[in-house]
């Protein structure tokens, strides 16, 4: 039987409340499943910031619909930031710049950084969480799926960044004691997230392959939405699925055997 988070209460009768960024990728999707399995009532924000891989937003909506079909209602909104963030320079948003291929720790992967992205996302989430906390008279956690695999390339995924921004938000808001950050995978990686998702989905009685088919990690999918298998994000995802003994259910431009072989080769080259 599926878990209905809205019925779950902590001592004193208060509902456990969470707000999170749901990108439509595997990290945030795995986090959503963990929150639901733990009994949280969850509100999700997705962001349209002019990303070339905007198919991730469609995948996020597909998972919200899948949850609803299983009796799990999750509030989901998409915030349109494309007009503002469209002026930022990044291979993920700027036309005429190709998304680089290779391993996340390679220098060229810095081209995939979107300046100040997570600070903007976190700021909006904080305002949303505090609004819910005041309206519903409850404490709210802001849950994010950032993990150690992102630390090398993305400074705004590092623990010290969230320590600093959390402190700034506390200083800058009344009633900030009602809101806190929750980063369960900050010391883990994509393998950690997938293994945790297996457990969460078992608790929720949901299908693992259906949930992760409704995700996109690739920064350069083709017109049909098939993942390239070649970007740093792809490689990391492919290796994570391989490490838990599963075939990734999302479609790739090439066969699973080909993209896995490439990912293993990239990994080996990084060790040399």
C-alpha atoms as a PDB file:
ATOM      1  CA  UNK A   1       0.000   0.000   0.000  1.00  0.00           C
ATOM      2  CA  UNK A   2       1.346   3.441  -0.917  1.00  0.00           C
ATOM      3  CA  UNK A   3       2.279   5.803   1.901  1.00  0.00           C
ATOM      4  CA  UNK A   4       0.211   8.989   2.211  1.00  0.00           C
ATOM      5  CA  UNK A   5       2.570  11.592   3.712  1.00  0.00           C
ATOM      6  CA  UNK A   6      -0.187  14.056   4.586  1.00  0.00           C
ATOM      7  CA  UNK A   7      -1.428  11.676   7.263  1.00  0.00           C
ATOM      8  CA  UNK A   8       1.928  11.463   9.016  1.00  0.00           C
ATOM      9  CA  UNK A   9       2.323  13.561  12.148  1.00  0.00           C
ATOM     10  CA  UNK A  10       5.067  14.199  14.648  1.00  0.00           C
ATOM     11  CA  UNK A  11       4.623  14.767  18.376  1.00  0.00           C
ATOM     12  CA  UNK A  12       2.056  17.455  19.053  1.00  0.00           C
ATOM     13  CA  UNK A  13       0.026  16.683  15.942  1.00  0.00           C
ATOM     14  CA  UNK A  14       2.087  18.702  13.455  1.00  0.00           C
ATOM     15  CA  UNK A  15       2.631  17.391   9.929  1.00  0.00           C
ATOM     16  CA  UNK A  16       6.261  16.840   8.921  1.00  0.00           C
ATOM     17  CA  UNK A  17       6.762  19.459   6.208  1.00  0.00           C
ATOM     18  CA  UNK A  18       9.363  19.745   3.461  1.00  0.00           C
ATOM     19  CA  UNK A  19      10.058  21.961   0.465  1.00  0.00           C
ATOM     20  CA  UNK A  20      12.503  20.857  -2.196  1.00  0.00           C
ATOM     21  CA  UNK A  21      13.902  21.664  -5.625  1.00  0.00           C
ATOM     22  CA  UNK A  22      12.767  18.978  -8.086  1.00  0.00           C
ATOM     23  CA  UNK A  23      14.904  19.370 -11.179  1.00  0.00           C
ATOM     24  CA  UNK A  24      13.638  16.221 -12.872  1.00  0.00           C
ATOM     25  CA  UNK A  25      17.070  14.641 -12.500  1.00  0.00           C
ATOM     26  CA  UNK A  26      17.875  11.436 -10.645  1.00  0.00           C
ATOM     27  CA  UNK A  27      19.310  13.136  -7.542  1.00  0.00           C
ATOM     28  CA  UNK A  28      16.290  15.259  -6.671  1.00  0.00           C
ATOM     29  CA  UNK A  29      13.927  12.475  -7.689  1.00  0.00           C
ATOM     30  CA  UNK A  30      15.659  10.051  -5.347  1.00  0.00           C
ATOM     31  CA  UNK A  31      15.446  12.660  -2.594  1.00  0.00           C
ATOM     32  CA  UNK A  32      11.714  13.144  -3.174  1.00  0.00           C
ATOM     33  CA  UNK A  33      11.155   9.423  -2.762  1.00  0.00           C
ATOM     34  CA  UNK A  34      13.131   9.417   0.486  1.00  0.00           C
ATOM     35  CA  UNK A  35      11.108  12.308   1.913  1.00  0.00           C
ATOM     36  CA  UNK A  36       7.843  10.593   1.008  1.00  0.00           C
ATOM     37  CA  UNK A  37       9.012   7.286   2.469  1.00  0.00           C
ATOM     38  CA  UNK A  38       9.950   9.114   5.675  1.00  0.00           C
ATOM     39  CA  UNK A  39       6.444  10.552   5.906  1.00  0.00           C
ATOM     40  CA  UNK A  40       6.908  14.166   4.858  1.00  0.00           C
ATOM     41  CA  UNK A  41       4.266  16.244   3.166  1.00  0.00           C
ATOM     42  CA  UNK A  42       6.293  17.711   0.286  1.00  0.00           C
ATOM     43  CA  UNK A  43       6.009  20.805  -1.893  1.00  0.00           C
ATOM     44  CA  UNK A  44       8.283  20.835  -4.939  1.00  0.00           C
ATOM     45  CA  UNK A  45       9.621  23.690  -7.039  1.00  0.00           C
ATOM     46  CA  UNK A  46      11.104  23.132 -10.478  1.00  0.00           C
ATOM     47  CA  UNK A  47      12.921  25.871 -12.355  1.00  0.00           C
ATOM     48  CA  UNK A  48      12.813  26.812 -16.009  1.00  0.00           C
ATOM     49  CA  UNK A  49      16.004  28.832 -16.279  1.00  0.00           C
ATOM     50  CA  UNK A  50      16.509  28.517 -20.031  1.00  0.00           C
ATOM     51  CA  UNK A  51      18.337  25.201 -19.774  1.00  0.00           C
ATOM     52  CA  UNK A  52      18.831  23.362 -23.049  1.00  0.00           C
ATOM     53  CA  UNK A  53      17.863  20.119 -21.339  1.00  0.00           C
ATOM     54  CA  UNK A  54      14.405  21.403 -20.386  1.00  0.00           C
ATOM     55  CA  UNK A  55      13.008  17.929 -20.984  1.00  0.00           C
ATOM     56  CA  UNK A  56      13.860  17.408 -17.308  1.00  0.00           C
ATOM     57  CA  UNK A  57      10.794  19.516 -16.458  1.00  0.00           C
ATOM     58  CA  UNK A  58       8.552  17.175 -18.464  1.00  0.00           C
ATOM     59  CA  UNK A  59      10.081  14.202 -16.653  1.00  0.00           C
ATOM     60  CA  UNK A  60       9.438  15.848 -13.278  1.00  0.00           C
ATOM     61  CA  UNK A  61       5.787  16.381 -14.185  1.00  0.00           C
ATOM     62  CA  UNK A  62       5.549  12.738 -15.294  1.00  0.00           C
ATOM     63  CA  UNK A  63       6.740  11.541 -11.890  1.00  0.00           C
ATOM     64  CA  UNK A  64       4.329  13.832 -10.057  1.00  0.00           C
ATOM     65  CA  UNK A  65       1.540  12.297 -12.163  1.00  0.00           C
ATOM     66  CA  UNK A  66       2.836   8.784 -11.429  1.00  0.00           C
ATOM     67  CA  UNK A  67       2.782   9.505  -7.705  1.00  0.00           C
ATOM     68  CA  UNK A  68      -0.768  10.856  -7.961  1.00  0.00           C
ATOM     69  CA  UNK A  69      -1.875   7.705  -9.766  1.00  0.00           C
ATOM     70  CA  UNK A  70      -0.620   5.788  -6.739  1.00  0.00           C
ATOM     71  CA  UNK A  71      -2.462   7.941  -4.228  1.00  0.00           C
ATOM     72  CA  UNK A  72       0.481  10.191  -3.275  1.00  0.00           C
ATOM     73  CA  UNK A  73      -0.277  13.865  -3.787  1.00  0.00           C
ATOM     74  CA  UNK A  74       2.711  16.203  -4.073  1.00  0.00           C
ATOM     75  CA  UNK A  75       2.362  19.927  -4.684  1.00  0.00           C
ATOM     76  CA  UNK A  76       4.480  20.881  -7.697  1.00  0.00           C
ATOM     77  CA  UNK A  77       5.108  24.280  -9.233  1.00  0.00           C
ATOM     78  CA  UNK A  78       7.426  25.413 -12.030  1.00  0.00           C
ATOM     79  CA  UNK A  79       9.041  28.827 -11.577  1.00  0.00           C
ATOM     80  CA  UNK A  80       9.986  30.570 -14.831  1.00  0.00           C
ATOM     81  CA  UNK A  81      13.384  32.233 -14.415  1.00  0.00           C
ATOM     82  CA  UNK A  82      14.332  32.080 -18.081  1.00  0.00           C
ATOM     83  CA  UNK A  83      14.150  35.813 -18.733  1.00  0.00           C
ATOM     84  CA  UNK A  84      16.522  36.590 -15.854  1.00  0.00           C
ATOM     85  CA  UNK A  85      18.915  33.653 -15.992  1.00  0.00           C
ATOM     86  CA  UNK A  86      18.920  33.591 -19.775  1.00  0.00           C
ATOM     87  CA  UNK A  87      21.464  36.415 -19.637  1.00  0.00           C
ATOM     88  CA  UNK A  88      23.948  34.224 -17.711  1.00  0.00           C
ATOM     89  CA  UNK A  89      26.773  32.565 -19.631  1.00  0.00           C
ATOM     90  CA  UNK A  90      26.969  28.772 -19.475  1.00  0.00           C
ATOM     91  CA  UNK A  91      27.175  25.855 -21.892  1.00  0.00           C
ATOM     92  CA  UNK A  92      23.836  24.774 -20.398  1.00  0.00           C
ATOM     93  CA  UNK A  93      22.004  27.962 -21.383  1.00  0.00           C
ATOM     94  CA  UNK A  94      23.977  29.863 -24.041  1.00  0.00           C
ATOM     95  CA  UNK A  95      23.269  29.046 -27.674  1.00  0.00           C
ATOM     96  CA  UNK A  96      26.301  28.283 -29.803  1.00  0.00           C
ATOM     97  CA  UNK A  97      28.236  26.597 -26.989  1.00  0.00           C
ATOM     98  CA  UNK A  98      28.357  22.823 -26.956  1.00  0.00           C
ATOM     99  CA  UNK A  99      28.083  20.881 -23.722  1.00  0.00           C
ATOM    100  CA  UNK A 100      31.516  19.305 -23.110  1.00  0.00           C
ATOM    101  CA  UNK A 101      32.027  15.556 -22.877  1.00  0.00           C
ATOM    102  CA  UNK A 102      34.144  13.639 -20.405  1.00  0.00           C
ATOM    103  CA  UNK A 103      34.392  13.180 -16.631  1.00  0.00           C
ATOM    104  CA  UNK A 104      33.063  15.689 -14.099  1.00  0.00           C
ATOM    105  CA  UNK A 105      36.513  16.285 -12.619  1.00  0.00           C
ATOM    106  CA  UNK A 106      37.983  17.456 -15.933  1.00  0.00           C
ATOM    107  CA  UNK A 107      38.666  21.181 -16.359  1.00  0.00           C
ATOM    108  CA  UNK A 108      36.349  21.652 -19.343  1.00  0.00           C
ATOM    109  CA  UNK A 109      33.360  20.609 -17.242  1.00  0.00           C
ATOM    110  CA  UNK A 110      33.455  24.046 -15.615  1.00  0.00           C
ATOM    111  CA  UNK A 111      31.716  25.209 -18.789  1.00  0.00           C
ATOM    112  CA  UNK A 112      28.539  23.606 -17.370  1.00  0.00           C
ATOM    113  CA  UNK A 113      28.504  25.905 -14.336  1.00  0.00           C
ATOM    114  CA  UNK A 114      25.604  28.387 -14.371  1.00  0.00           C
ATOM    115  CA  UNK A 115      26.783  31.427 -12.368  1.00  0.00           C
ATOM    116  CA  UNK A 116      25.144  31.690  -8.948  1.00  0.00           C
ATOM    117  CA  UNK A 117      22.458  29.161  -9.906  1.00  0.00           C
ATOM    118  CA  UNK A 118      22.070  27.383  -6.578  1.00  0.00           C
ATOM    119  CA  UNK A 119      22.137  30.640  -4.619  1.00  0.00           C
ATOM    120  CA  UNK A 120      19.183  31.863  -6.684  1.00  0.00           C
ATOM    121  CA  UNK A 121      17.338  28.559  -6.392  1.00  0.00           C
ATOM    122  CA  UNK A 122      17.977  28.331  -2.643  1.00  0.00           C
ATOM    123  CA  UNK A 123      16.835  31.906  -2.062  1.00  0.00           C
ATOM    124  CA  UNK A 124      13.504  31.271  -3.795  1.00  0.00           C
ATOM    125  CA  UNK A 125      13.095  27.981  -1.922  1.00  0.00           C
ATOM    126  CA  UNK A 126      13.781  29.725   1.368  1.00  0.00           C
ATOM    127  CA  UNK A 127      11.118  32.336   0.730  1.00  0.00           C
ATOM    128  CA  UNK A 128       8.675  29.598  -0.285  1.00  0.00           C
ATOM    129  CA  UNK A 129       9.506  27.480   2.783  1.00  0.00           C
ATOM    130  CA  UNK A 130       9.172  30.407   5.173  1.00  0.00           C
ATOM    131  CA  UNK A 131       5.834  31.345   3.601  1.00  0.00           C
ATOM    132  CA  UNK A 132       4.547  27.805   4.167  1.00  0.00           C
ATOM    133  CA  UNK A 133       5.916  27.793   7.723  1.00  0.00           C
ATOM    134  CA  UNK A 134       4.034  30.987   8.567  1.00  0.00           C
ATOM    135  CA  UNK A 135       0.830  30.044   6.766  1.00  0.00           C
ATOM    136  CA  UNK A 136       0.644  26.508   8.151  1.00  0.00           C
ATOM    137  CA  UNK A 137       2.235  27.330  11.514  1.00  0.00           C
ATOM    138  CA  UNK A 138       4.837  24.591  11.280  1.00  0.00           C
ATOM    139  CA  UNK A 139       8.558  24.006  10.867  1.00  0.00           C
ATOM    140  CA  UNK A 140       9.767  23.355   7.320  1.00  0.00           C
ATOM    141  CA  UNK A 141      12.919  21.690   6.005  1.00  0.00           C
ATOM    142  CA  UNK A 142      14.429  22.701   2.671  1.00  0.00           C
ATOM    143  CA  UNK A 143      15.655  19.424   1.195  1.00  0.00           C
ATOM    144  CA  UNK A 144      18.268  19.383  -1.565  1.00  0.00           C
ATOM    145  CA  UNK A 145      19.862  16.464  -3.409  1.00  0.00           C
ATOM    146  CA  UNK A 146      23.370  17.911  -3.632  1.00  0.00           C
ATOM    147  CA  UNK A 147      26.118  15.310  -3.189  1.00  0.00           C
ATOM    148  CA  UNK A 148      29.887  14.928  -3.076  1.00  0.00           C
ATOM    149  CA  UNK A 149      30.148  14.050  -6.767  1.00  0.00           C
ATOM    150  CA  UNK A 150      29.220  17.667  -7.548  1.00  0.00           C
ATOM    151  CA  UNK A 151      31.766  19.269  -5.221  1.00  0.00           C
ATOM    152  CA  UNK A 152      34.738  19.341  -7.611  1.00  0.00           C
ATOM    153  CA  UNK A 153      33.002  21.306 -10.363  1.00  0.00           C
ATOM    154  CA  UNK A 154      30.164  23.135  -8.624  1.00  0.00           C
ATOM    155  CA  UNK A 155      31.229  25.354  -5.701  1.00  0.00           C
ATOM    156  CA  UNK A 156      27.561  25.974  -4.893  1.00  0.00           C
ATOM    157  CA  UNK A 157      27.107  22.291  -4.036  1.00  0.00           C
ATOM    158  CA  UNK A 158      29.704  22.297  -1.260  1.00  0.00           C
ATOM    159  CA  UNK A 159      28.849  22.109   2.463  1.00  0.00           C
ATOM    160  CA  UNK A 160      30.547  25.426   3.248  1.00  0.00           C
ATOM    161  CA  UNK A 161      28.341  27.173   0.672  1.00  0.00           C
ATOM    162  CA  UNK A 162      25.181  25.956   2.374  1.00  0.00           C
ATOM    163  CA  UNK A 163      26.554  26.786   5.808  1.00  0.00           C
ATOM    164  CA  UNK A 164      27.170  30.350   4.635  1.00  0.00           C
ATOM    165  CA  UNK A 165      23.906  30.864   2.767  1.00  0.00           C
ATOM    166  CA  UNK A 166      21.879  29.351   5.603  1.00  0.00           C
ATOM    167  CA  UNK A 167      23.464  31.802   8.015  1.00  0.00           C
ATOM    168  CA  UNK A 168      22.724  34.714   5.665  1.00  0.00           C
ATOM    169  CA  UNK A 169      19.070  33.714   5.354  1.00  0.00           C
ATOM    170  CA  UNK A 170      18.769  33.384   9.143  1.00  0.00           C
ATOM    171  CA  UNK A 171      20.171  36.884   9.592  1.00  0.00           C
ATOM    172  CA  UNK A 172      17.959  38.332   6.885  1.00  0.00           C
ATOM    173  CA  UNK A 173      14.556  36.961   7.898  1.00  0.00           C
ATOM    174  CA  UNK A 174      12.174  37.053  10.843  1.00  0.00           C
ATOM    175  CA  UNK A 175      10.987  33.629  12.031  1.00  0.00           C
ATOM    176  CA  UNK A 176      13.993  31.944  10.428  1.00  0.00           C
ATOM    177  CA  UNK A 177      14.043  29.404  13.264  1.00  0.00           C
ATOM    178  CA  UNK A 178      11.110  27.750  11.478  1.00  0.00           C
ATOM    179  CA  UNK A 179      13.211  26.819   8.428  1.00  0.00           C
ATOM    180  CA  UNK A 180      16.314  24.639   8.100  1.00  0.00           C
ATOM    181  CA  UNK A 181      18.283  22.984   5.325  1.00  0.00           C
ATOM    182  CA  UNK A 182      18.291  19.198   4.944  1.00  0.00           C
ATOM    183  CA  UNK A 183      21.131  17.781   2.785  1.00  0.00           C
ATOM    184  CA  UNK A 184      21.061  14.006   3.328  1.00  0.00           C
ATOM    185  CA  UNK A 185      23.445  13.140   0.473  1.00  0.00           C
ATOM    186  CA  UNK A 186      26.044  15.869   0.976  1.00  0.00           C
ATOM    187  CA  UNK A 187      28.706  13.272   1.844  1.00  0.00           C
ATOM    188  CA  UNK A 188      27.394  10.638  -0.572  1.00  0.00           C
ATOM    189  CA  UNK A 189      27.300  10.226  -4.344  1.00  0.00           C
ATOM    190  CA  UNK A 190      24.941   9.054  -7.079  1.00  0.00           C
ATOM    191  CA  UNK A 191      25.390   5.434  -6.037  1.00  0.00           C
ATOM    192  CA  UNK A 192      24.352   6.424  -2.499  1.00  0.00           C
ATOM    193  CA  UNK A 193      21.232   8.083  -3.899  1.00  0.00           C
ATOM    194  CA  UNK A 194      20.235   5.101  -6.040  1.00  0.00           C
ATOM    195  CA  UNK A 195      20.668   2.614  -3.211  1.00  0.00           C
ATOM    196  CA  UNK A 196      18.622   4.843  -0.946  1.00  0.00           C
ATOM    197  CA  UNK A 197      15.967   5.134  -3.658  1.00  0.00           C
ATOM    198  CA  UNK A 198      15.686   1.349  -3.882  1.00  0.00           C
ATOM    199  CA  UNK A 199      14.815   1.305  -0.191  1.00  0.00           C
ATOM    200  CA  UNK A 200      12.424   4.272  -0.413  1.00  0.00           C
ATOM    201  CA  UNK A 201      10.549   2.898  -3.412  1.00  0.00           C
ATOM    202  CA  UNK A 202      10.173  -0.463  -1.719  1.00  0.00           C
ATOM    203  CA  UNK A 203       8.550   1.300   1.256  1.00  0.00           C
ATOM    204  CA  UNK A 204       6.281   3.293  -1.073  1.00  0.00           C
ATOM    205  CA  UNK A 205       5.485   0.227  -3.206  1.00  0.00           C
ATOM    206  CA  UNK A 206       6.462   2.080  -6.381  1.00  0.00           C
ATOM    207  CA  UNK A 207       8.304   0.801  -9.451  1.00  0.00           C
ATOM    208  CA  UNK A 208      11.993   1.748  -9.580  1.00  0.00           C
ATOM    209  CA  UNK A 209      12.301   1.675 -13.383  1.00  0.00           C
ATOM    210  CA  UNK A 210       9.153   3.753 -13.898  1.00  0.00           C
ATOM    211  CA  UNK A 211      10.376   6.440 -11.504  1.00  0.00           C
ATOM    212  CA  UNK A 212      13.847   6.696 -13.015  1.00  0.00           C
ATOM    213  CA  UNK A 213      12.589   6.518 -16.591  1.00  0.00           C
ATOM    214  CA  UNK A 214      10.802   9.740 -15.628  1.00  0.00           C
ATOM    215  CA  UNK A 215      14.126  11.528 -15.047  1.00  0.00           C
ATOM    216  CA  UNK A 216      16.783  13.222 -17.129  1.00  0.00           C
ATOM    217  CA  UNK A 217      20.403  13.703 -16.130  1.00  0.00           C
ATOM    218  CA  UNK A 218      21.886  14.394 -19.556  1.00  0.00           C
ATOM    219  CA  UNK A 219      22.900  17.976 -20.331  1.00  0.00           C
ATOM    220  CA  UNK A 220      22.723  17.297 -24.068  1.00  0.00           C
ATOM    221  CA  UNK A 221      19.793  14.989 -24.899  1.00  0.00           C
ATOM    222  CA  UNK A 222      18.731  14.756 -28.529  1.00  0.00           C
ATOM    223  CA  UNK A 223      15.471  16.046 -30.032  1.00  0.00           C
ATOM    224  CA  UNK A 224      13.732  12.813 -29.002  1.00  0.00           C
ATOM    225  CA  UNK A 225      14.807  13.242 -25.383  1.00  0.00           C
ATOM    226  CA  UNK A 226      17.368  10.448 -25.516  1.00  0.00           C
ATOM    227  CA  UNK A 227      20.407  10.967 -23.284  1.00  0.00           C
ATOM    228  CA  UNK A 228      23.750  11.391 -25.016  1.00  0.00           C
ATOM    229  CA  UNK A 229      25.670   9.181 -22.598  1.00  0.00           C
ATOM    230  CA  UNK A 230      28.727  11.383 -23.115  1.00  0.00           C
ATOM    231  CA  UNK A 231      28.403  14.429 -20.855  1.00  0.00           C
ATOM    232  CA  UNK A 232      29.930  14.380 -17.389  1.00  0.00           C
ATOM    233  CA  UNK A 233      26.483  14.089 -15.830  1.00  0.00           C
ATOM    234  CA  UNK A 234      25.678  11.117 -18.079  1.00  0.00           C
ATOM    235  CA  UNK A 235      28.912   9.325 -17.242  1.00  0.00           C
ATOM    236  CA  UNK A 236      28.386   9.736 -13.509  1.00  0.00           C
ATOM    237  CA  UNK A 237      24.808   8.443 -13.770  1.00  0.00           C
ATOM    238  CA  UNK A 238      25.749   5.451 -15.924  1.00  0.00           C
ATOM    239  CA  UNK A 239      28.485   4.424 -13.498  1.00  0.00           C
ATOM    240  CA  UNK A 240      26.071   4.724 -10.572  1.00  0.00           C
ATOM    241  CA  UNK A 241      23.524   2.391 -12.166  1.00  0.00           C
ATOM    242  CA  UNK A 242      26.286  -0.030 -13.076  1.00  0.00           C
ATOM    243  CA  UNK A 243      27.576   0.015  -9.493  1.00  0.00           C
ATOM    244  CA  UNK A 244      24.197  -1.147  -8.130  1.00  0.00           C
ATOM    245  CA  UNK A 245      23.832  -3.822 -10.796  1.00  0.00           C
ATOM    246  CA  UNK A 246      21.040  -2.173 -12.764  1.00  0.00           C
ATOM    247  CA  UNK A 247      20.599  -1.062 -16.356  1.00  0.00           C
ATOM    248  CA  UNK A 248      19.566   2.592 -16.545  1.00  0.00           C
ATOM    249  CA  UNK A 249      15.944   2.643 -17.792  1.00  0.00           C
ATOM    250  CA  UNK A 250      16.191   5.993 -19.619  1.00  0.00           C
ATOM    251  CA  UNK A 251      16.736   5.805 -23.401  1.00  0.00           C
ATOM    252  CA  UNK A 252      20.200   6.633 -24.716  1.00  0.00           C
ATOM    253  CA  UNK A 253      21.256   7.620 -28.224  1.00  0.00           C
ATOM    254  CA  UNK A 254      23.494   4.524 -28.219  1.00  0.00           C
ATOM    255  CA  UNK A 255      22.939   1.106 -26.676  1.00  0.00           C
ATOM    256  CA  UNK A 256      23.382   0.574 -22.935  1.00  0.00           C
ATOM    257  CA  UNK A 257      26.398  -1.622 -23.628  1.00  0.00           C
ATOM    258  CA  UNK A 258      28.040   1.163 -25.649  1.00  0.00           C
ATOM    259  CA  UNK A 259      27.416   3.995 -23.195  1.00  0.00           C
ATOM    260  CA  UNK A 260      28.494   1.807 -20.268  1.00  0.00           C
ATOM    261  CA  UNK A 261      31.714   0.845 -22.051  1.00  0.00           C
ATOM    262  CA  UNK A 262      32.443   4.526 -22.733  1.00  0.00           C
ATOM    263  CA  UNK A 263      31.721   5.508 -19.129  1.00  0.00           C
ATOM    264  CA  UNK A 264      34.006   2.786 -17.777  1.00  0.00           C
ATOM    265  CA  UNK A 265      36.736   3.905 -20.156  1.00  0.00           C
ATOM    266  CA  UNK A 266      36.379   7.537 -19.046  1.00  0.00           C
ATOM    267  CA  UNK A 267      36.556   6.413 -15.417  1.00  0.00           C
ATOM    268  CA  UNK A 268      39.690   4.373 -16.078  1.00  0.00           C
ATOM    269  CA  UNK A 269      41.391   7.281 -17.866  1.00  0.00           C
ATOM    270  CA  UNK A 270      40.746   9.507 -14.841  1.00  0.00           C
ATOM    271  CA  UNK A 271      42.552   6.999 -12.615  1.00  0.00           C
ATOM    272  CA  UNK A 272      45.686   6.972 -14.765  1.00  0.00           C
END
